[in-house]
C-alpha cells in the first residue's frame, strides 16, 4: 500500500479532466493499478478503505472524511461528494454498497 505522500501524489495526478477537482471515479482510478480492477479481493480492500464504520456501505460522511483533508479542502465540496455518490448509487438509497462499487470499478 502507498504511503501518505504517494497517495497525495496519486490524488493530485487524478484530476484527469483538468477541472481542478477530483471526482469519485478519478480518485479510485488513480489509487488502483489497472491490472487489479477485476480482482474482487482487491476491490473489497479498496471498498473497506472507504467503509470506515464497517457498515457494508459507503455513505457521504465516509467519502467526505476521506477527502476532507487540507489538500482537498478547496477542491471538493459537499455538492460534488453528493454527486459522486449519486453517480454510483444504483438503488437510490444514498449509499454505495459493495455491488454498486464493483459495477463502478468494472466500468473504468
C-alpha atoms as a PDB file:
ATOM      1  CA  UNK A   1       0.000   0.000   0.000  1.00  0.00           C
ATOM      2  CA  UNK A   2       1.214   3.524  -0.763  1.00  0.00           C
ATOM      3  CA  UNK A   3       2.355   5.853   1.988  1.00  0.00           C
ATOM      4  CA  UNK A   4       0.714   9.250   2.564  1.00  0.00           C
ATOM      5  CA  UNK A   5       2.983  11.163   0.199  1.00  0.00           C
ATOM      6  CA  UNK A   6       2.441   8.660  -2.589  1.00  0.00           C
ATOM      7  CA  UNK A   7      -1.327   8.803  -2.039  1.00  0.00           C
ATOM      8  CA  UNK A   8      -1.254  12.608  -2.206  1.00  0.00           C
ATOM      9  CA  UNK A   9       0.706  12.497  -5.464  1.00  0.00           C
ATOM     10  CA  UNK A  10      -1.764   9.981  -6.909  1.00  0.00           C
ATOM     11  CA  UNK A  11      -4.659  12.207  -5.901  1.00  0.00           C
ATOM     12  CA  UNK A  12      -3.058  15.273  -7.462  1.00  0.00           C
ATOM     13  CA  UNK A  13      -2.480  13.313 -10.656  1.00  0.00           C
ATOM     14  CA  UNK A  14      -6.057  12.002 -10.575  1.00  0.00           C
ATOM     15  CA  UNK A  15      -7.548  15.205 -11.946  1.00  0.00           C
ATOM     16  CA  UNK A  16      -7.530  13.789 -15.463  1.00  0.00           C
ATOM     17  CA  UNK A  17     -10.032  16.262 -16.889  1.00  0.00           C
ATOM     18  CA  UNK A  18      -8.111  19.281 -15.558  1.00  0.00           C
ATOM     19  CA  UNK A  19     -11.145  20.625 -13.708  1.00  0.00           C
ATOM     20  CA  UNK A  20      -9.249  21.333 -10.509  1.00  0.00           C
ATOM     21  CA  UNK A  21     -11.387  18.809  -8.649  1.00  0.00           C
ATOM     22  CA  UNK A  22     -11.225  15.048  -8.278  1.00  0.00           C
ATOM     23  CA  UNK A  23     -14.420  13.139  -8.878  1.00  0.00           C
ATOM     24  CA  UNK A  24     -15.006   9.749  -7.310  1.00  0.00           C
ATOM     25  CA  UNK A  25     -14.110   7.783 -10.428  1.00  0.00           C
ATOM     26  CA  UNK A  26     -10.890   9.731 -10.974  1.00  0.00           C
ATOM     27  CA  UNK A  27      -9.852   9.124  -7.376  1.00  0.00           C
ATOM     28  CA  UNK A  28     -10.478   5.385  -7.490  1.00  0.00           C
ATOM     29  CA  UNK A  29      -8.810   5.015 -10.879  1.00  0.00           C
ATOM     30  CA  UNK A  30      -5.702   6.805  -9.610  1.00  0.00           C
ATOM     31  CA  UNK A  31      -5.330   4.715  -6.475  1.00  0.00           C
ATOM     32  CA  UNK A  32      -5.594   1.285  -8.024  1.00  0.00           C
ATOM     33  CA  UNK A  33      -3.374  -0.449 -10.528  1.00  0.00           C
ATOM     34  CA  UNK A  34      -5.377  -1.170 -13.690  1.00  0.00           C
ATOM     35  CA  UNK A  35      -4.320  -4.811 -13.715  1.00  0.00           C
ATOM     36  CA  UNK A  36      -6.082  -5.287 -10.358  1.00  0.00           C
ATOM     37  CA  UNK A  37      -9.508  -3.804 -11.199  1.00  0.00           C
ATOM     38  CA  UNK A  38     -11.353  -7.058 -11.719  1.00  0.00           C
ATOM     39  CA  UNK A  39      -9.902  -8.961  -8.789  1.00  0.00           C
ATOM     40  CA  UNK A  40     -12.714  -8.928  -6.268  1.00  0.00           C
ATOM     41  CA  UNK A  41     -10.346  -9.408  -3.348  1.00  0.00           C
ATOM     42  CA  UNK A  42      -8.502  -6.189  -4.202  1.00  0.00           C
ATOM     43  CA  UNK A  43     -11.742  -4.344  -4.838  1.00  0.00           C
ATOM     44  CA  UNK A  44     -13.017  -5.450  -1.433  1.00  0.00           C
ATOM     45  CA  UNK A  45      -9.890  -3.979   0.172  1.00  0.00           C
ATOM     46  CA  UNK A  46     -10.415  -0.678  -1.664  1.00  0.00           C
ATOM     47  CA  UNK A  47     -14.080  -0.655  -0.620  1.00  0.00           C
ATOM     48  CA  UNK A  48     -13.155  -1.240   3.004  1.00  0.00           C
ATOM     49  CA  UNK A  49     -10.808   1.748   2.864  1.00  0.00           C
ATOM     50  CA  UNK A  50     -13.897   3.921   2.334  1.00  0.00           C
ATOM     51  CA  UNK A  51     -16.258   1.943   4.595  1.00  0.00           C
ATOM     52  CA  UNK A  52     -14.674   3.171   7.817  1.00  0.00           C
ATOM     53  CA  UNK A  53     -17.625   2.220  10.033  1.00  0.00           C
ATOM     54  CA  UNK A  54     -17.748  -1.338   8.588  1.00  0.00           C
ATOM     55  CA  UNK A  55     -21.452  -0.968   7.758  1.00  0.00           C
ATOM     56  CA  UNK A  56     -21.065  -2.609   4.369  1.00  0.00           C
ATOM     57  CA  UNK A  57     -21.910   0.681   2.676  1.00  0.00           C
ATOM     58  CA  UNK A  58     -20.080   3.887   1.875  1.00  0.00           C
ATOM     59  CA  UNK A  59     -22.028   6.981   2.850  1.00  0.00           C
ATOM     60  CA  UNK A  60     -21.490  10.678   2.282  1.00  0.00           C
ATOM     61  CA  UNK A  61     -19.805  11.110   5.665  1.00  0.00           C
ATOM     62  CA  UNK A  62     -17.198   8.465   4.872  1.00  0.00           C
ATOM     63  CA  UNK A  63     -16.379   9.952   1.472  1.00  0.00           C
ATOM     64  CA  UNK A  64     -16.234  13.439   2.985  1.00  0.00           C
ATOM     65  CA  UNK A  65     -13.972  12.182   5.772  1.00  0.00           C
ATOM     66  CA  UNK A  66     -11.594  10.548   3.304  1.00  0.00           C
ATOM     67  CA  UNK A  67     -11.488  13.593   1.040  1.00  0.00           C
ATOM     68  CA  UNK A  68     -11.698  16.110   3.887  1.00  0.00           C
ATOM     69  CA  UNK A  69      -8.010  16.690   4.424  1.00  0.00           C
ATOM     70  CA  UNK A  70      -6.388  20.054   3.908  1.00  0.00           C
ATOM     71  CA  UNK A  71      -5.164  19.092   0.428  1.00  0.00           C
ATOM     72  CA  UNK A  72      -8.786  18.659  -0.768  1.00  0.00           C
ATOM     73  CA  UNK A  73     -10.457  21.416   1.260  1.00  0.00           C
ATOM     74  CA  UNK A  74     -10.648  23.817  -1.676  1.00  0.00           C
ATOM     75  CA  UNK A  75     -11.062  21.146  -4.361  1.00  0.00           C
ATOM     76  CA  UNK A  76     -14.026  19.093  -3.175  1.00  0.00           C
ATOM     77  CA  UNK A  77     -17.286  20.497  -1.814  1.00  0.00           C
ATOM     78  CA  UNK A  78     -20.356  18.752  -0.404  1.00  0.00           C
ATOM     79  CA  UNK A  79     -22.308  19.049  -3.677  1.00  0.00           C
ATOM     80  CA  UNK A  80     -19.524  17.269  -5.528  1.00  0.00           C
ATOM     81  CA  UNK A  81     -19.433  14.478  -2.940  1.00  0.00           C
ATOM     82  CA  UNK A  82     -23.215  14.102  -3.185  1.00  0.00           C
ATOM     83  CA  UNK A  83     -22.976  13.928  -6.984  1.00  0.00           C
ATOM     84  CA  UNK A  84     -20.182  11.345  -6.748  1.00  0.00           C
ATOM     85  CA  UNK A  85     -22.403   9.102  -4.676  1.00  0.00           C
ATOM     86  CA  UNK A  86     -25.432   9.619  -6.944  1.00  0.00           C
ATOM     87  CA  UNK A  87     -23.354   8.567  -9.964  1.00  0.00           C
ATOM     88  CA  UNK A  88     -22.742   5.159  -8.393  1.00  0.00           C
ATOM     89  CA  UNK A  89     -25.839   4.654  -6.196  1.00  0.00           C
ATOM     90  CA  UNK A  90     -27.980   2.457  -8.467  1.00  0.00           C
ATOM     91  CA  UNK A  91     -30.620   1.592  -5.857  1.00  0.00           C
ATOM     92  CA  UNK A  92     -31.068   5.213  -4.720  1.00  0.00           C
ATOM     93  CA  UNK A  93     -30.538   4.623  -1.001  1.00  0.00           C
ATOM     94  CA  UNK A  94     -27.924   7.395  -0.723  1.00  0.00           C
ATOM     95  CA  UNK A  95     -25.086   4.961  -0.043  1.00  0.00           C
ATOM     96  CA  UNK A  96     -22.743   2.810  -2.097  1.00  0.00           C
ATOM     97  CA  UNK A  97     -22.827  -0.891  -1.320  1.00  0.00           C
ATOM     98  CA  UNK A  98     -20.156  -3.314  -2.455  1.00  0.00           C
ATOM     99  CA  UNK A  99     -22.111  -4.457  -5.524  1.00  0.00           C
ATOM    100  CA  UNK A 100     -22.526  -0.848  -6.707  1.00  0.00           C
ATOM    101  CA  UNK A 101     -18.829  -0.303  -6.050  1.00  0.00           C
ATOM    102  CA  UNK A 102     -17.965  -3.383  -8.138  1.00  0.00           C
ATOM    103  CA  UNK A 103     -20.116  -2.199 -11.030  1.00  0.00           C
ATOM    104  CA  UNK A 104     -18.470   1.223 -10.945  1.00  0.00           C
ATOM    105  CA  UNK A 105     -14.948  -0.199 -10.799  1.00  0.00           C
ATOM    106  CA  UNK A 106     -15.536  -2.636 -13.623  1.00  0.00           C
ATOM    107  CA  UNK A 107     -16.713   0.201 -15.878  1.00  0.00           C
ATOM    108  CA  UNK A 108     -13.415   2.067 -15.505  1.00  0.00           C
END
